[in-house]
Amino acid sequence: MVMQIGKVGGDKLTVKTVSGEFSAPLTELHDPCWNSIARAMA
């Protein structure tokens, strides 16, 4: 069985669930994602 779980491309991350949708520009997500471990260890 094959199921599509996502698409790649564009300038934003969009997550859709049965309860709603979340969307954010990649420019806003890069810093929190890239630096999250370093900030947690500080």
PDB file of N, CA and C in Angstrom:
ATOM      1  N   MET A   1       0.850  -1.185   0.000  1.00  0.00           N
ATOM      2  CA  MET A   1       0.000   0.000   0.000  1.00  0.00           C
ATOM      3  C   MET A   1       0.888   1.238   0.000  1.00  0.00           C
ATOM      4  N   VAL A   2       0.552   2.229  -0.798  1.00  0.00           N
ATOM      5  CA  VAL A   2       1.299   3.477  -0.892  1.00  0.00           C
ATOM      6  C   VAL A   2       0.391   4.630  -0.496  1.00  0.00           C
ATOM      7  N   MET A   3       0.935   5.553   0.323  1.00  0.00           N
ATOM      8  CA  MET A   3       0.152   6.700   0.748  1.00  0.00           C
ATOM      9  C   MET A   3       1.044   7.936   0.722  1.00  0.00           C
ATOM     10  N   GLN A   4       0.563   9.023   0.149  1.00  0.00           N
ATOM     11  CA  GLN A   4       1.312  10.281   0.161  1.00  0.00           C
ATOM     12  C   GLN A   4       1.206  10.871   1.553  1.00  0.00           C
ATOM     13  N   ILE A   5       2.367  11.223   2.145  1.00  0.00           N
ATOM     14  CA  ILE A   5       2.341  11.806   3.482  1.00  0.00           C
ATOM     15  C   ILE A   5       2.757  13.271   3.476  1.00  0.00           C
ATOM     16  N   GLY A   6       3.164  13.801   2.325  1.00  0.00           N
ATOM     17  CA  GLY A   6       3.539  15.202   2.272  1.00  0.00           C
ATOM     18  C   GLY A   6       4.029  15.607   0.907  1.00  0.00           C
ATOM     19  N   LYS A   7       4.364  16.882   0.794  1.00  0.00           N
ATOM     20  CA  LYS A   7       4.916  17.447  -0.426  1.00  0.00           C
ATOM     21  C   LYS A   7       6.090  18.326  -0.048  1.00  0.00           C
ATOM     22  N   VAL A   8       7.051  18.442  -0.944  1.00  0.00           N
ATOM     23  CA  VAL A   8       8.225  19.279  -0.723  1.00  0.00           C
ATOM     24  C   VAL A   8       8.197  20.418  -1.726  1.00  0.00           C
ATOM     25  N   GLY A   9       8.479  21.620  -1.246  1.00  0.00           N
ATOM     26  CA  GLY A   9       8.547  22.781  -2.117  1.00  0.00           C
ATOM     27  C   GLY A   9       7.879  23.984  -1.485  1.00  0.00           C
ATOM     28  N   GLY A  10       8.203  25.138  -1.991  1.00  0.00           N
ATOM     29  CA  GLY A  10       7.583  26.362  -1.503  1.00  0.00           C
ATOM     30  C   GLY A  10       8.377  27.041  -0.416  1.00  0.00           C
ATOM     31  N   ASP A  11       7.775  28.060   0.177  1.00  0.00           N
ATOM     32  CA  ASP A  11       8.461  28.878   1.168  1.00  0.00           C
ATOM     33  C   ASP A  11       7.785  28.852   2.534  1.00  0.00           C
ATOM     34  N   LYS A  12       6.899  27.852   2.752  1.00  0.00           N
ATOM     35  CA  LYS A  12       6.255  27.740   4.061  1.00  0.00           C
ATOM     36  C   LYS A  12       6.031  26.267   4.406  1.00  0.00           C
ATOM     37  N   LEU A  13       5.895  26.012   5.695  1.00  0.00           N
ATOM     38  CA  LEU A  13       5.562  24.682   6.201  1.00  0.00           C
ATOM     39  C   LEU A  13       4.082  24.698   6.554  1.00  0.00           C
ATOM     40  N   THR A  14       3.354  23.751   6.029  1.00  0.00           N
ATOM     41  CA  THR A  14       1.939  23.626   6.345  1.00  0.00           C
ATOM     42  C   THR A  14       1.669  22.209   6.817  1.00  0.00           C
ATOM     43  N   VAL A  15       1.049  22.095   7.980  1.00  0.00           N
ATOM     44  CA  VAL A  15       0.700  20.803   8.548  1.00  0.00           C
ATOM     45  C   VAL A  15      -0.817  20.765   8.682  1.00  0.00           C
ATOM     46  N   LYS A  16      -1.430  19.763   8.060  1.00  0.00           N
ATOM     47  CA  LYS A  16      -2.877  19.615   8.119  1.00  0.00           C
ATOM     48  C   LYS A  16      -3.221  18.377   8.944  1.00  0.00           C
ATOM     49  N   THR A  17      -4.168  18.532   9.865  1.00  0.00           N
ATOM     50  CA  THR A  17      -4.656  17.415  10.668  1.00  0.00           C
ATOM     51  C   THR A  17      -6.180  17.421  10.622  1.00  0.00           C
ATOM     52  N   VAL A  18      -6.783  16.444  11.217  1.00  0.00           N
ATOM     53  CA  VAL A  18      -8.246  16.403  11.247  1.00  0.00           C
ATOM     54  C   VAL A  18      -8.830  17.550  12.066  1.00  0.00           C
ATOM     55  N   SER A  19      -8.047  18.100  13.004  1.00  0.00           N
ATOM     56  CA  SER A  19      -8.558  19.169  13.850  1.00  0.00           C
ATOM     57  C   SER A  19      -8.203  20.569  13.363  1.00  0.00           C
ATOM     58  N   GLY A  20      -7.431  20.689  12.272  1.00  0.00           N
ATOM     59  CA  GLY A  20      -7.096  22.015  11.775  1.00  0.00           C
ATOM     60  C   GLY A  20      -5.843  22.031  10.934  1.00  0.00           C
ATOM     61  N   GLU A  21      -5.313  23.239  10.743  1.00  0.00           N
ATOM     62  CA  GLU A  21      -4.134  23.427   9.903  1.00  0.00           C
ATOM     63  C   GLU A  21      -3.210  24.451  10.533  1.00  0.00           C
ATOM     64  N   PHE A  22      -1.902  24.208  10.463  1.00  0.00           N
ATOM     65  CA  PHE A  22      -0.874  25.128  10.944  1.00  0.00           C
ATOM     66  C   PHE A  22       0.001  25.482   9.763  1.00  0.00           C
ATOM     67  N   SER A  23       0.310  26.766   9.599  1.00  0.00           N
ATOM     68  CA  SER A  23       1.171  27.191   8.507  1.00  0.00           C
ATOM     69  C   SER A  23       2.089  28.290   9.013  1.00  0.00           C
ATOM     70  N   ALA A  24       3.389  28.218   8.623  1.00  0.00           N
ATOM     71  CA  ALA A  24       4.352  29.236   9.018  1.00  0.00           C
ATOM     72  C   ALA A  24       5.427  29.355   7.939  1.00  0.00           C
ATOM     73  N   PRO A  25       5.916  30.579   7.696  1.00  0.00           N
ATOM     74  CA  PRO A  25       6.992  30.764   6.728  1.00  0.00           C
ATOM     75  C   PRO A  25       8.269  30.074   7.208  1.00  0.00           C
ATOM     76  N   LEU A  26       9.008  29.489   6.275  1.00  0.00           N
ATOM     77  CA  LEU A  26      10.254  28.805   6.633  1.00  0.00           C
ATOM     78  C   LEU A  26      11.260  29.760   7.258  1.00  0.00           C
ATOM     79  N   THR A  27      11.242  31.034   6.858  1.00  0.00           N
ATOM     80  CA  THR A  27      12.173  32.002   7.431  1.00  0.00           C
ATOM     81  C   THR A  27      11.970  32.169   8.932  1.00  0.00           C
ATOM     82  N   GLU A  28      10.745  31.977   9.418  1.00  0.00           N
ATOM     83  CA  GLU A  28      10.472  32.075  10.855  1.00  0.00           C
ATOM     84  C   GLU A  28      10.811  30.787  11.598  1.00  0.00           C
ATOM     85  N   LEU A  29      10.897  29.674  10.904  1.00  0.00           N
ATOM     86  CA  LEU A  29      11.127  28.387  11.546  1.00  0.00           C
ATOM     87  C   LEU A  29      12.591  27.974  11.587  1.00  0.00           C
ATOM     88  N   HIS A  30      13.425  28.546  10.750  1.00  0.00           N
ATOM     89  CA  HIS A  30      14.823  28.117  10.666  1.00  0.00           C
ATOM     90  C   HIS A  30      15.558  28.298  11.984  1.00  0.00           C
ATOM     91  N   ASP A  31      15.544  29.501  12.550  1.00  0.00           N
ATOM     92  CA  ASP A  31      16.304  29.756  13.780  1.00  0.00           C
ATOM     93  C   ASP A  31      15.843  28.896  14.954  1.00  0.00           C
ATOM     94  N   PRO A  32      14.547  28.816  15.256  1.00  0.00           N
ATOM     95  CA  PRO A  32      14.131  27.958  16.381  1.00  0.00           C
ATOM     96  C   PRO A  32      14.516  26.493  16.182  1.00  0.00           C
ATOM     97  N   CYS A  33      14.418  26.009  14.974  1.00  0.00           N
ATOM     98  CA  CYS A  33      14.755  24.609  14.705  1.00  0.00           C
ATOM     99  C   CYS A  33      16.265  24.386  14.799  1.00  0.00           C
ATOM    100  N   TRP A  34      17.051  25.213  14.142  1.00  0.00           N
ATOM    101  CA  TRP A  34      18.494  25.037  14.053  1.00  0.00           C
ATOM    102  C   TRP A  34      19.173  25.219  15.410  1.00  0.00           C
ATOM    103  N   ASN A  35      18.653  26.102  16.252  1.00  0.00           N
ATOM    104  CA  ASN A  35      19.316  26.444  17.520  1.00  0.00           C
ATOM    105  C   ASN A  35      18.626  25.875  18.756  1.00  0.00           C
ATOM    106  N   SER A  36      17.617  25.036  18.594  1.00  0.00           N
ATOM    107  CA  SER A  36      16.847  24.573  19.756  1.00  0.00           C
ATOM    108  C   SER A  36      17.674  23.769  20.755  1.00  0.00           C
ATOM    109  N   ILE A  37      18.553  22.901  20.298  1.00  0.00           N
ATOM    110  CA  ILE A  37      19.352  22.092  21.217  1.00  0.00           C
ATOM    111  C   ILE A  37      20.349  22.967  21.979  1.00  0.00           C
ATOM    112  N   ALA A  38      21.010  23.864  21.273  1.00  0.00           N
ATOM    113  CA  ALA A  38      21.970  24.759  21.925  1.00  0.00           C
ATOM    114  C   ALA A  38      21.276  25.616  22.995  1.00  0.00           C
ATOM    115  N   ARG A  39      20.107  26.098  22.699  1.00  0.00           N
ATOM    116  CA  ARG A  39      19.369  26.913  23.695  1.00  0.00           C
ATOM    117  C   ARG A  39      18.937  26.062  24.880  1.00  0.00           C
ATOM    118  N   ALA A  40      18.557  24.835  24.652  1.00  0.00           N
ATOM    119  CA  ALA A  40      18.143  23.965  25.749  1.00  0.00           C
ATOM    120  C   ALA A  40      19.310  23.605  26.654  1.00  0.00           C
ATOM    121  N   MET A  41      20.514  23.534  26.101  1.00  0.00           N
ATOM    122  CA  MET A  41      21.696  23.164  26.872  1.00  0.00           C
ATOM    123  C   MET A  41      22.302  24.347  27.623  1.00  0.00           C
ATOM    124  N   ALA A  42      21.915  25.568  27.272  1.00  0.00           N
ATOM    125  CA  ALA A  42      22.507  26.769  27.895  1.00  0.00           C
ATOM    126  C   ALA A  42      21.978  26.994  29.279  1.00  0.00           C
TER     127      ALA A  42
END
